PDB file of N, CA and C in Angstrom:
ATOM      1  N   MET A   1       7.130  -1.625  -3.923  1.00  0.00           N
ATOM      2  CA  MET A   1       6.082  -1.963  -4.008  1.00  0.00           C
ATOM      3  C   MET A   1       5.094  -2.973  -2.973  1.00  0.00           C
ATOM      4  N   ASN A   2       3.977  -3.032  -2.973  1.00  0.00           N
ATOM      5  CA  ASN A   2       3.204  -3.953  -2.182  1.00  0.00           C
ATOM      6  C   ASN A   2       2.591  -4.946  -2.635  1.00  0.00           C
ATOM      7  N   PHE A   3       3.004  -6.163  -2.229  1.00  0.00           N
ATOM      8  CA  PHE A   3       2.351  -7.670  -3.152  1.00  0.00           C
ATOM      9  C   PHE A   3       1.134  -7.570  -2.231  1.00  0.00           C
ATOM     10  N   ARG A   4       0.508  -8.147  -3.152  1.00  0.00           N
ATOM     11  CA  ARG A   4      -1.133  -8.817  -2.950  1.00  0.00           C
ATOM     12  C   ARG A   4      -0.808 -10.104  -3.110  1.00  0.00           C
ATOM     13  N   ARG A   5      -1.673 -11.204  -2.158  1.00  0.00           N
ATOM     14  CA  ARG A   5      -1.757 -12.503  -2.586  1.00  0.00           C
ATOM     15  C   ARG A   5      -2.357 -12.855  -3.506  1.00  0.00           C
ATOM     16  N   GLY A   6      -2.161 -13.770  -4.594  1.00  0.00           N
ATOM     17  CA  GLY A   6      -2.731 -14.049  -5.322  1.00  0.00           C
ATOM     18  C   GLY A   6      -2.108 -13.160  -6.814  1.00  0.00           C
ATOM     19  N   GLN A   7      -1.485 -12.508  -6.595  1.00  0.00           N
ATOM     20  CA  GLN A   7      -0.939 -11.997  -7.922  1.00  0.00           C
ATOM     21  C   GLN A   7      -0.139 -13.011  -8.290  1.00  0.00           C
ATOM     22  N   ARG A   8       0.496 -12.418  -9.700  1.00  0.00           N
ATOM     23  CA  ARG A   8       1.282 -12.993 -10.543  1.00  0.00           C
ATOM     24  C   ARG A   8       2.720 -12.291 -10.390  1.00  0.00           C
ATOM     25  N   VAL A   9       4.004 -13.217 -10.137  1.00  0.00           N
ATOM     26  CA  VAL A   9       4.733 -12.614 -10.545  1.00  0.00           C
ATOM     27  C   VAL A   9       5.922 -13.136 -11.250  1.00  0.00           C
ATOM     28  N   GLU A  10       6.868 -13.039 -11.711  1.00  0.00           N
ATOM     29  CA  GLU A  10       8.289 -13.238 -11.862  1.00  0.00           C
ATOM     30  C   GLU A  10       9.831 -13.230 -11.318  1.00  0.00           C
ATOM     31  N   ILE A  11      10.192 -14.206 -11.141  1.00  0.00           N
ATOM     32  CA  ILE A  11      11.508 -13.827 -10.661  1.00  0.00           C
ATOM     33  C   ILE A  11      12.484 -13.220 -11.670  1.00  0.00           C
ATOM     34  N   GLN A  12      12.593 -12.205 -11.460  1.00  0.00           N
ATOM     35  CA  GLN A  12      12.799 -10.987 -12.871  1.00  0.00           C
ATOM     36  C   GLN A  12      14.755 -11.616 -12.400  1.00  0.00           C
ATOM     37  N   ARG A  13      15.315 -11.544 -11.315  1.00  0.00           N
ATOM     38  CA  ARG A  13      17.003 -11.444 -11.426  1.00  0.00           C
ATOM     39  C   ARG A  13      17.477 -11.653 -10.239  1.00  0.00           C
ATOM     40  N   ARG A  14      18.650 -12.099  -9.739  1.00  0.00           N
ATOM     41  CA  ARG A  14      19.370 -12.805  -8.360  1.00  0.00           C
ATOM     42  C   ARG A  14      19.056 -11.310  -7.634  1.00  0.00           C
ATOM     43  N   SER A  15      18.588 -11.425  -6.063  1.00  0.00           N
ATOM     44  CA  SER A  15      18.340 -10.451  -5.384  1.00  0.00           C
ATOM     45  C   SER A  15      19.822 -10.338  -4.735  1.00  0.00           C
ATOM     46  N   ALA A  16      20.050  -8.852  -3.996  1.00  0.00           N
ATOM     47  CA  ALA A  16      21.301  -8.508  -3.505  1.00  0.00           C
ATOM     48  C   ALA A  16      20.476  -8.617  -1.775  1.00  0.00           C
ATOM     49  N   ASP A  17      19.680  -9.278  -1.414  1.00  0.00           N
ATOM     50  CA  ASP A  17      19.578  -9.279  -0.161  1.00  0.00           C
ATOM     51  C   ASP A  17      20.349 -10.401   0.619  1.00  0.00           C
ATOM     52  N   GLU A  18      20.714 -10.344   1.535  1.00  0.00           N
ATOM     53  CA  GLU A  18      21.202 -11.104   2.520  1.00  0.00           C
ATOM     54  C   GLU A  18      21.007 -12.412   2.315  1.00  0.00           C
ATOM     55  N   SER A  19      19.360 -12.713   2.358  1.00  0.00           N
ATOM     56  CA  SER A  19      18.638 -13.966   2.028  1.00  0.00           C
ATOM     57  C   SER A  19      18.800 -14.817   1.331  1.00  0.00           C
ATOM     58  N   TRP A  20      19.301 -14.361  -0.062  1.00  0.00           N
ATOM     59  CA  TRP A  20      19.201 -14.733  -1.346  1.00  0.00           C
ATOM     60  C   TRP A  20      20.639 -16.310  -1.166  1.00  0.00           C
ATOM     61  N   GLU A  21      20.122 -17.089  -1.596  1.00  0.00           N
ATOM     62  CA  GLU A  21      21.162 -18.296  -1.649  1.00  0.00           C
ATOM     63  C   GLU A  21      20.979 -18.756  -2.956  1.00  0.00           C
ATOM     64  N   ALA A  22      22.605 -19.640  -2.914  1.00  0.00           N
ATOM     65  CA  ALA A  22      23.072 -19.865  -4.409  1.00  0.00           C
ATOM     66  C   ALA A  22      21.975 -20.666  -5.244  1.00  0.00           C
ATOM     67  N   TYR A  23      21.096 -21.355  -4.319  1.00  0.00           N
ATOM     68  CA  TYR A  23      20.287 -22.625  -5.128  1.00  0.00           C
ATOM     69  C   TYR A  23      18.796 -21.652  -5.849  1.00  0.00           C
ATOM     70  N   MET A  24      19.039 -20.878  -5.184  1.00  0.00           N
ATOM     71  CA  MET A  24      17.279 -19.469  -6.066  1.00  0.00           C
ATOM     72  C   MET A  24      18.321 -18.972  -7.103  1.00  0.00           C
ATOM     73  N   ASP A  25      19.250 -19.313  -7.628  1.00  0.00           N
ATOM     74  CA  ASP A  25      19.429 -18.994  -8.947  1.00  0.00           C
ATOM     75  C   ASP A  25      19.185 -19.366 -10.179  1.00  0.00           C
ATOM     76  N   ALA A  26      18.515 -20.554  -9.502  1.00  0.00           N
ATOM     77  CA  ALA A  26      17.653 -21.348 -10.689  1.00  0.00           C
ATOM     78  C   ALA A  26      16.382 -20.987 -10.854  1.00  0.00           C
ATOM     79  N   PHE A  27      15.827 -20.234 -10.228  1.00  0.00           N
ATOM     80  CA  PHE A  27      14.589 -19.687  -9.811  1.00  0.00           C
ATOM     81  C   PHE A  27      14.426 -18.506 -10.690  1.00  0.00           C
ATOM     82  N   VAL A  28      15.362 -18.020 -10.998  1.00  0.00           N
ATOM     83  CA  VAL A  28      15.832 -16.878 -12.092  1.00  0.00           C
ATOM     84  C   VAL A  28      14.738 -17.095 -13.407  1.00  0.00           C
ATOM     85  N   GLY A  29      13.970 -16.164 -14.117  1.00  0.00           N
ATOM     86  CA  GLY A  29      13.044 -16.261 -15.282  1.00  0.00           C
ATOM     87  C   GLY A  29      11.913 -17.034 -14.977  1.00  0.00           C
ATOM     88  N   LEU A  30      11.736 -17.658 -13.592  1.00  0.00           N
ATOM     89  CA  LEU A  30      10.468 -18.654 -13.467  1.00  0.00           C
ATOM     90  C   LEU A  30       8.846 -17.496 -13.150  1.00  0.00           C
ATOM     91  N   HIS A  31       8.000 -18.193 -13.192  1.00  0.00           N
ATOM     92  CA  HIS A  31       7.114 -17.415 -12.572  1.00  0.00           C
ATOM     93  C   HIS A  31       6.376 -17.995 -11.581  1.00  0.00           C
ATOM     94  N   GLY A  32       5.768 -17.455 -10.866  1.00  0.00           N
ATOM     95  CA  GLY A  32       4.743 -17.839  -9.500  1.00  0.00           C
ATOM     96  C   GLY A  32       3.724 -16.944  -9.182  1.00  0.00           C
ATOM     97  N   ILE A  33       3.081 -17.547  -7.933  1.00  0.00           N
ATOM     98  CA  ILE A  33       1.860 -16.253  -7.463  1.00  0.00           C
ATOM     99  C   ILE A  33       2.278 -16.225  -5.674  1.00  0.00           C
ATOM    100  N   ILE A  34       2.097 -14.821  -5.558  1.00  0.00           N
ATOM    101  CA  ILE A  34       2.009 -14.466  -4.456  1.00  0.00           C
ATOM    102  C   ILE A  34       1.291 -15.329  -3.336  1.00  0.00           C
ATOM    103  N   THR A  35       1.628 -15.840  -2.139  1.00  0.00           N
ATOM    104  CA  THR A  35       0.818 -16.533  -1.042  1.00  0.00           C
ATOM    105  C   THR A  35       0.759 -15.904   0.264  1.00  0.00           C
ATOM    106  N   ASP A  36       1.802 -15.555   0.491  1.00  0.00           N
ATOM    107  CA  ASP A  36       1.629 -14.621   1.708  1.00  0.00           C
ATOM    108  C   ASP A  36       2.620 -13.533   1.455  1.00  0.00           C
ATOM    109  N   PRO A  37       2.115 -12.379   1.660  1.00  0.00           N
ATOM    110  CA  PRO A  37       2.774 -11.092   1.312  1.00  0.00           C
ATOM    111  C   PRO A  37       3.239 -10.214   2.636  1.00  0.00           C
ATOM    112  N   ASP A  38       3.357 -11.060   3.312  1.00  0.00           N
ATOM    113  CA  ASP A  38       3.123 -10.642   4.966  1.00  0.00           C
ATOM    114  C   ASP A  38       3.017  -8.748   5.292  1.00  0.00           C
ATOM    115  N   THR A  39       1.499  -8.246   4.768  1.00  0.00           N
ATOM    116  CA  THR A  39       1.262  -7.458   4.760  1.00  0.00           C
ATOM    117  C   THR A  39       0.905  -6.849   6.400  1.00  0.00           C
ATOM    118  N   ALA A  40       0.937  -7.286   7.258  1.00  0.00           N
ATOM    119  CA  ALA A  40       0.730  -7.108   8.633  1.00  0.00           C
ATOM    120  C   ALA A  40       2.006  -6.442   8.789  1.00  0.00           C
ATOM    121  N   ILE A  41       3.509  -6.679   8.338  1.00  0.00           N
ATOM    122  CA  ILE A  41       4.635  -6.036   8.852  1.00  0.00           C
ATOM    123  C   ILE A  41       4.607  -4.874   7.802  1.00  0.00           C
ATOM    124  N   ASN A  42       4.758  -5.475   6.357  1.00  0.00           N
ATOM    125  CA  ASN A  42       4.368  -4.138   5.254  1.00  0.00           C
ATOM    126  C   ASN A  42       5.377  -3.116   4.841  1.00  0.00           C
ATOM    127  N   ASP A  43       6.303  -4.399   5.291  1.00  0.00           N
ATOM    128  CA  ASP A  43       8.101  -4.066   5.115  1.00  0.00           C
ATOM    129  C   ASP A  43       8.688  -4.033   3.411  1.00  0.00           C
ATOM    130  N   PRO A  44       9.070  -3.358   2.838  1.00  0.00           N
ATOM    131  CA  PRO A  44       9.387  -3.376   1.696  1.00  0.00           C
ATOM    132  C   PRO A  44      10.985  -4.293   1.504  1.00  0.00           C
ATOM    133  N   ASP A  45      11.259  -4.636   2.541  1.00  0.00           N
ATOM    134  CA  ASP A  45      12.542  -5.341   2.900  1.00  0.00           C
ATOM    135  C   ASP A  45      12.139  -6.862   3.154  1.00  0.00           C
ATOM    136  N   ALA A  46      11.227  -7.015   3.641  1.00  0.00           N
ATOM    137  CA  ALA A  46      10.717  -8.403   4.257  1.00  0.00           C
ATOM    138  C   ALA A  46      10.224  -9.196   2.788  1.00  0.00           C
ATOM    139  N   LEU A  47      10.782 -10.812   3.206  1.00  0.00           N
ATOM    140  CA  LEU A  47      10.631 -11.429   2.411  1.00  0.00           C
ATOM    141  C   LEU A  47       8.947 -11.837   2.022  1.00  0.00           C
ATOM    142  N   VAL A  48       8.895 -12.462   0.205  1.00  0.00           N
ATOM    143  CA  VAL A  48       7.897 -12.665   0.323  1.00  0.00           C
ATOM    144  C   VAL A  48       7.340 -14.041   0.075  1.00  0.00           C
ATOM    145  N   GLU A  49       5.898 -14.721   0.260  1.00  0.00           N
ATOM    146  CA  GLU A  49       6.538 -16.605   0.181  1.00  0.00           C
ATOM    147  C   GLU A  49       5.428 -16.073  -1.406  1.00  0.00           C
ATOM    148  N   VAL A  50       6.492 -17.074  -2.287  1.00  0.00           N
ATOM    149  CA  VAL A  50       5.589 -17.400  -3.380  1.00  0.00           C
ATOM    150  C   VAL A  50       5.514 -18.643  -4.013  1.00  0.00           C
ATOM    151  N   SER A  51       4.783 -18.887  -4.416  1.00  0.00           N
ATOM    152  CA  SER A  51       4.373 -20.611  -5.095  1.00  0.00           C
ATOM    153  C   SER A  51       5.250 -20.354  -6.486  1.00  0.00           C
ATOM    154  N   ILE A  52       5.689 -20.969  -6.868  1.00  0.00           N
ATOM    155  CA  ILE A  52       6.689 -20.955  -7.714  1.00  0.00           C
ATOM    156  C   ILE A  52       6.574 -22.159  -8.683  1.00  0.00           C
ATOM    157  N   GLU A  53       6.211 -22.116 -10.084  1.00  0.00           N
ATOM    158  CA  GLU A  53       5.401 -23.630 -10.658  1.00  0.00           C
ATOM    159  C   GLU A  53       6.404 -24.100 -10.772  1.00  0.00           C
ATOM    160  N   GLY A  54       6.062 -25.507 -10.359  1.00  0.00           N
ATOM    161  CA  GLY A  54       7.203 -26.661 -10.991  1.00  0.00           C
ATOM    162  C   GLY A  54       8.009 -26.861  -9.733  1.00  0.00           C
ATOM    163  N   GLN A  55       8.573 -25.906  -8.809  1.00  0.00           N
ATOM    164  CA  GLN A  55       9.294 -25.421  -7.840  1.00  0.00           C
ATOM    165  C   GLN A  55       8.841 -25.175  -6.295  1.00  0.00           C
ATOM    166  N   GLY A  56       7.362 -25.676  -5.997  1.00  0.00           N
ATOM    167  CA  GLY A  56       6.953 -25.339  -4.492  1.00  0.00           C
ATOM    168  C   GLY A  56       7.115 -23.797  -4.262  1.00  0.00           C
ATOM    169  N   THR A  57       7.020 -24.031  -2.729  1.00  0.00           N
ATOM    170  CA  THR A  57       6.597 -22.660  -2.559  1.00  0.00           C
ATOM    171  C   THR A  57       7.937 -22.193  -1.461  1.00  0.00           C
ATOM    172  N   HIS A  58       8.270 -20.686  -1.855  1.00  0.00           N
ATOM    173  CA  HIS A  58       9.332 -20.229  -0.980  1.00  0.00           C
ATOM    174  C   HIS A  58       9.615 -18.887  -0.546  1.00  0.00           C
ATOM    175  N   ARG A  59      10.327 -18.633   0.305  1.00  0.00           N
ATOM    176  CA  ARG A  59      10.569 -16.824   0.569  1.00  0.00           C
ATOM    177  C   ARG A  59      11.314 -16.365   0.566  1.00  0.00           C
ATOM    178  N   LEU A  60      11.073 -15.425  -0.697  1.00  0.00           N
ATOM    179  CA  LEU A  60      11.674 -14.656  -1.469  1.00  0.00           C
ATOM    180  C   LEU A  60      12.101 -12.999  -0.958  1.00  0.00           C
ATOM    181  N   PRO A  61      13.166 -12.624  -1.537  1.00  0.00           N
ATOM    182  CA  PRO A  61      13.474 -10.754  -1.164  1.00  0.00           C
ATOM    183  C   PRO A  61      12.505  -9.962  -2.117  1.00  0.00           C
ATOM    184  N   GLN A  62      12.005  -9.022  -2.056  1.00  0.00           N
ATOM    185  CA  GLN A  62      11.143  -8.436  -2.763  1.00  0.00           C
ATOM    186  C   GLN A  62      11.727  -7.702  -4.040  1.00  0.00           C
ATOM    187  N   ASP A  63      13.030  -7.639  -3.930  1.00  0.00           N
ATOM    188  CA  ASP A  63      13.824  -6.862  -5.078  1.00  0.00           C
ATOM    189  C   ASP A  63      14.067  -7.583  -6.395  1.00  0.00           C
ATOM    190  N   CYS A  64      13.841  -9.337  -6.181  1.00  0.00           N
ATOM    191  CA  CYS A  64      13.999  -9.734  -7.386  1.00  0.00           C
ATOM    192  C   CYS A  64      12.804 -10.392  -8.096  1.00  0.00           C
ATOM    193  N   LEU A  65      11.473  -9.810  -7.289  1.00  0.00           N
ATOM    194  CA  LEU A  65      10.551  -9.912  -7.888  1.00  0.00           C
ATOM    195  C   LEU A  65       9.802  -9.131  -9.057  1.00  0.00           C
ATOM    196  N   ALA A  66       8.625  -9.505 -10.143  1.00  0.00           N
ATOM    197  CA  ALA A  66       8.538  -8.243 -11.086  1.00  0.00           C
ATOM    198  C   ALA A  66       6.751  -8.782 -11.199  1.00  0.00           C
ATOM    199  N   LEU A  67       5.731  -7.792 -11.201  1.00  0.00           N
ATOM    200  CA  LEU A  67       4.589  -8.178 -11.035  1.00  0.00           C
ATOM    201  C   LEU A  67       4.431  -8.653 -12.690  1.00  0.00           C
ATOM    202  N   LEU A  68       3.495  -9.505 -13.225  1.00  0.00           N
ATOM    203  CA  LEU A  68       3.376  -9.872 -14.463  1.00  0.00           C
ATOM    204  C   LEU A  68       1.817  -9.086 -14.807  1.00  0.00           C
ATOM    205  N   ASP A  69       0.717  -8.970 -14.026  1.00  0.00           N
ATOM    206  CA  ASP A  69      -0.275  -8.475 -13.590  1.00  0.00           C
ATOM    207  C   ASP A  69      -0.645  -7.374 -14.124  1.00  0.00           C
TER     208      ASP A  69
END
């Protein structure tokens, strides 16, 4: 799935990606907005920058995200 800037997402589950870190487990179930989808690369394995409500902005693997829109 290709994410676009401004889309609302939920961190739906823990990622299987090696970039997932233990502190990110606390983000599961939270909502955020895509701020940098890295569209120049357009790589489904690339990290996506998400502004998470109350948690700041983080780069997350795409396999943990689900669109809310």
